[in-house]
Protein backbone atom coordinates (compact mmCIF):
# COMPACT_ATOMS: atom_id res chain seq x y z
CA MET A 1 -76.42 135.69 -34.61
CA ALA A 2 -74.03 132.75 -32.03
CA LEU A 3 -73.09 129.43 -33.97
CA THR A 4 -75.78 127.48 -32.99
CA GLY A 5 -76.06 124.08 -33.62
CA VAL A 6 -73.11 124.08 -35.32
CA VAL A 7 -70.89 121.04 -34.88
CA LEU A 8 -67.03 121.98 -35.67
CA GLN A 9 -64.53 118.61 -37.54
CA THR A 10 -61.63 119.11 -39.64
CA VAL A 11 -60.23 117.04 -40.64
CA VAL A 12 -55.68 116.67 -41.25
CA GLN A 13 -53.29 114.87 -43.28
CA GLU A 14 -48.99 115.89 -43.19
CA SER A 15 -47.61 115.09 -46.49
CA GLN A 16 -45.14 112.64 -46.75
CA ASP A 17 -41.95 115.41 -46.23
CA ALA A 18 -42.96 116.62 -43.48
CA GLN A 19 -42.95 120.09 -44.95
CA GLN A 20 -46.38 121.17 -45.25
CA VAL A 21 -50.40 119.97 -43.55
CA ARG A 22 -53.72 119.94 -45.61
CA MET A 23 -56.47 120.85 -43.82
CA TRP A 24 -60.04 120.40 -44.68
CA ASP A 25 -63.83 120.61 -43.23
CA GLU A 26 -66.06 118.02 -42.09
CA SER A 27 -68.03 119.70 -39.91
CA ASP A 28 -72.10 120.46 -39.41
CA TRP A 29 -72.55 123.91 -40.65
CA ASN A 30 -75.99 124.40 -39.84
CA GLY A 31 -75.72 126.35 -42.50
CA LEU A 32 -73.90 128.86 -40.93
CA SER A 33 -70.92 128.80 -42.18
CA GLY A 34 -71.24 131.71 -44.37
CA THR A 35 -71.24 134.25 -41.11
CA VAL A 36 -68.19 132.85 -40.57
CA SER A 37 -66.03 136.64 -39.33
CA GLY A 38 -62.44 134.74 -38.28
CA ALA A 39 -60.62 131.62 -38.61
CA LYS A 40 -57.48 130.22 -36.57
CA VAL A 41 -55.57 127.17 -36.91
CA VAL A 42 -53.44 126.71 -33.45
CA ILE A 43 -50.85 123.65 -33.58
CA ILE A 44 -49.04 122.46 -30.53
CA TYR A 45 -47.25 119.26 -30.41
CA TYR A 46 -45.25 117.09 -27.98
CA ASP A 47 -41.72 115.68 -29.69
CA VAL A 48 -40.55 112.96 -28.99
CA ASP A 49 -38.98 113.84 -25.93
CA GLY A 50 -42.16 114.64 -24.96
CA ILE A 51 -41.47 118.76 -24.15
CA ILE A 52 -44.21 120.53 -25.65
CA HIS A 53 -44.01 123.72 -28.07
CA THR A 54 -46.95 125.88 -29.80
CA PHE A 55 -47.20 127.70 -32.81
CA ASP A 56 -48.74 130.62 -33.37
CA PRO A 57 -51.80 130.93 -34.77
CA TYR A 58 -52.09 131.26 -38.07
CA ASP A 59 -55.13 133.02 -39.60
CA LEU A 60 -57.58 131.09 -42.27
CA ILE A 61 -59.19 135.22 -42.60
CA VAL A 62 -57.41 138.04 -43.11
CA GLY A 63 -59.29 140.92 -42.95
CA VAL A 64 -62.73 140.05 -45.17
CA ASP A 65 -60.10 137.71 -46.88
CA LYS A 66 -62.14 134.25 -46.89
CA THR A 67 -59.50 132.26 -49.73
CA LYS A 68 -58.38 130.57 -47.00
CA PHE A 69 -61.53 129.53 -45.49
CA ASN A 70 -62.78 128.57 -48.40
CA GLU A 71 -60.35 127.12 -49.50
CA TYR A 72 -60.38 124.48 -45.91
CA LEU A 73 -64.29 124.09 -46.68
CA ASP A 74 -63.70 123.16 -49.87
CA LYS A 75 -63.22 119.17 -49.06
CA GLN A 76 -61.82 118.41 -52.63
CA SER A 77 -58.80 120.67 -52.21
CA GLY A 78 -58.47 122.03 -48.50
CA HIS A 79 -56.46 124.25 -47.29
CA VAL A 80 -52.20 123.03 -46.89
CA ILE A 81 -50.19 125.21 -44.52
CA GLN A 82 -46.80 125.70 -45.31
CA LEU A 83 -44.28 124.89 -42.21
CA SER A 84 -42.51 127.55 -43.66
CA ALA A 85 -45.26 130.37 -43.23
CA LEU A 86 -45.68 129.22 -39.53
CA LEU A 87 -44.11 131.45 -36.28
CA ILE A 88 -43.41 130.72 -32.89
CA GLY A 89 -43.33 133.58 -30.74
CA GLY A 90 -43.35 135.61 -33.36
CA VAL A 91 -40.11 134.41 -34.71
CA THR A 92 -39.39 131.83 -37.64
CA HIS A 93 -38.91 128.74 -36.17
CA GLY A 94 -35.93 127.43 -37.91
CA LEU A 95 -37.31 124.09 -38.61
CA THR A 96 -37.28 122.72 -41.95
CA ARG A 97 -39.60 119.67 -41.44
CA PHE A 98 -42.33 118.75 -38.74
CA PRO A 99 -40.61 116.95 -36.32
CA ASP A 100 -42.63 113.66 -35.66
CA GLY A 101 -44.57 113.35 -32.33
CA TYR A 102 -47.60 114.15 -31.11
CA PHE A 103 -49.81 117.19 -32.52
CA ILE A 104 -53.08 118.52 -31.48
CA VAL A 105 -54.42 121.03 -33.96
CA THR A 106 -57.13 123.07 -33.12
CA LEU A 107 -59.85 125.12 -35.52
CA HIS A 108 -61.19 128.27 -33.79
CA VAL A 109 -64.22 130.43 -35.52
CA THR A 110 -66.10 133.30 -34.69
CA ASP A 111 -68.90 135.29 -36.20
CA GLY A 112 -67.90 137.95 -34.37
CA THR A 113 -70.14 137.15 -31.32
CA TYR A 114 -67.56 135.46 -29.11
CA GLY A 115 -65.48 138.54 -27.83
CA ASN A 116 -61.80 138.61 -28.40
CA PHE A 117 -59.52 135.28 -29.28
CA GLU A 118 -56.77 135.69 -27.27
CA GLU A 119 -59.74 136.15 -24.61
CA GLY A 120 -60.72 132.49 -24.77
CA GLY A 121 -64.17 131.28 -26.00
CA TRP A 122 -64.29 131.16 -29.46
CA PRO A 123 -66.03 127.77 -30.68
CA HIS A 124 -63.25 125.34 -32.27
CA TYR A 125 -61.98 121.83 -32.27
CA ASN A 126 -59.19 119.63 -30.99
CA ASN A 127 -57.79 117.49 -33.62
CA PRO A 128 -55.23 114.71 -32.01
CA GLN A 129 -53.14 113.55 -34.77
CA ALA A 130 -49.92 111.42 -34.89
CA PHE A 131 -47.39 113.16 -37.07
CA LEU A 132 -44.74 110.46 -38.15
CA ALA A 133 -43.46 111.68 -41.86
CA LYS A 134 -39.84 110.94 -40.64
CA TYR A 135 -40.34 107.17 -38.57
CA ARG A 136 -42.89 105.86 -42.01
CA PHE A 137 -39.99 106.40 -44.13
CA MET A 138 -37.59 105.23 -42.05
CA LYS A 139 -39.27 102.15 -41.81
CA ARG A 140 -39.65 101.74 -45.72
CA LEU A 141 -35.82 101.92 -45.74
CA MET A 142 -34.97 98.82 -42.94
CA PRO A 143 -35.32 96.17 -45.98
CA VAL A 144 -32.98 97.75 -47.59
CA ASN A 145 -30.26 97.19 -44.93
CA ILE A 146 -31.43 93.53 -43.56
CA LEU A 147 -31.89 92.47 -47.21
CA GLU A 148 -30.24 88.97 -47.55
CA TRP A 149 -30.59 85.53 -49.85
CA PRO A 150 -30.54 83.01 -48.33
CA ILE A 151 -33.01 84.18 -45.67
CA THR A 152 -31.18 83.05 -42.40
CA GLN A 153 -32.96 83.10 -38.86
CA ILE A 154 -31.03 86.18 -38.21
CA ASN A 155 -32.01 87.51 -40.97
CA ARG A 156 -35.82 85.48 -40.32
CA GLU A 157 -36.27 87.72 -37.26
CA ALA A 158 -35.35 90.64 -38.81
CA ASN A 159 -37.41 90.66 -41.18
CA TYR A 160 -39.95 90.20 -38.46
CA ASP A 161 -39.45 93.38 -36.54
CA VAL A 162 -39.59 95.58 -39.61
CA PHE A 163 -43.43 93.57 -39.36
CA ALA A 164 -43.87 94.67 -36.10
CA VAL A 165 -42.79 98.51 -36.64
CA GLY A 166 -45.39 98.81 -39.23
CA LEU A 167 -47.72 97.99 -36.15
CA TYR A 168 -46.03 99.94 -33.88
CA LEU A 169 -46.54 103.11 -35.98
CA GLU A 170 -50.29 101.97 -36.39
CA ALA A 171 -51.10 101.94 -32.99
CA ALA A 172 -49.02 105.28 -32.47
CA GLU A 173 -51.61 106.94 -34.61
CA TYR A 174 -54.32 105.17 -33.16
CA ALA A 175 -53.16 106.65 -29.84
CA ALA A 176 -52.86 109.90 -30.75
CA ASP A 177 -56.26 110.15 -32.67
CA LEU A 178 -57.36 108.22 -29.02
CA GLY A 179 -56.09 111.40 -27.52
CA ARG A 180 -53.27 109.02 -25.09
CA GLN A 181 -50.37 111.17 -25.69
CA SER A 182 -48.11 108.76 -22.65
CA GLN A 183 -49.46 105.86 -25.22
CA PHE A 184 -48.18 107.52 -28.18
CA GLN A 185 -44.57 108.35 -26.37
CA LYS A 186 -43.90 104.87 -25.75
CA PHE A 187 -44.89 103.44 -28.89
CA MET A 188 -42.28 106.55 -30.04
CA ASN A 189 -39.41 105.07 -27.73
CA VAL A 190 -39.37 101.78 -29.04
CA LEU A 191 -39.60 102.76 -32.55
CA SER A 192 -36.35 104.81 -32.17
CA ASN A 193 -34.75 101.77 -30.02
CA ILE A 194 -35.32 99.72 -33.11
CA PHE A 195 -34.25 102.14 -35.25
CA ASP A 196 -30.97 103.31 -32.85
CA TYR A 197 -30.05 99.25 -33.37
CA TYR A 198 -30.27 98.52 -36.68
CA ILE A 199 -28.47 101.46 -37.00
CA ILE A 200 -31.61 103.35 -39.69
CA PRO A 201 -30.15 107.10 -41.26
CA GLU A 202 -32.53 109.47 -40.71
CA PRO A 203 -33.62 110.42 -44.25
CA TRP A 204 -33.30 114.45 -43.23
């Protein structure tokens, strides 16, 4: 039976240390979640330079083992995908953290009636996300670098910049949620310039 009436939706959350993502289900399965026989997650991202990278498909169902898929269906826990468990081109990628960038996390599912995954056509849901763990950490470092008392006019202006960085981070995340990669990139460029100006060290 095809997955008739199924409306897929996912939620994706990057960890603060940028080493994993938690993914859970918000789909309307129309009572058919138990018929799913294949489920894969494909993660692609544009780095801060706008270059696209693609991780190999990550299986939520391995053979008849649905442990990961059942975790994913559980909204309370979700399924955690470790960066170390992902490959690019069949080999390890050398990354120790998810880089900040514009990510698209896509869930593909089948009940066995949609042909091979490689042929395309499995029902899927694209979830565009801003992964900003590093830049959010750097924003928290800014006040330490400009802390001064009594507050001078120069220091006051720097505090405004700290506030602006928070706004830009939220705006970048919103742009990604709307699938606006070029707009997201503009915010990332501005943020990079601000962090360079204040000589904010990278956390990892």
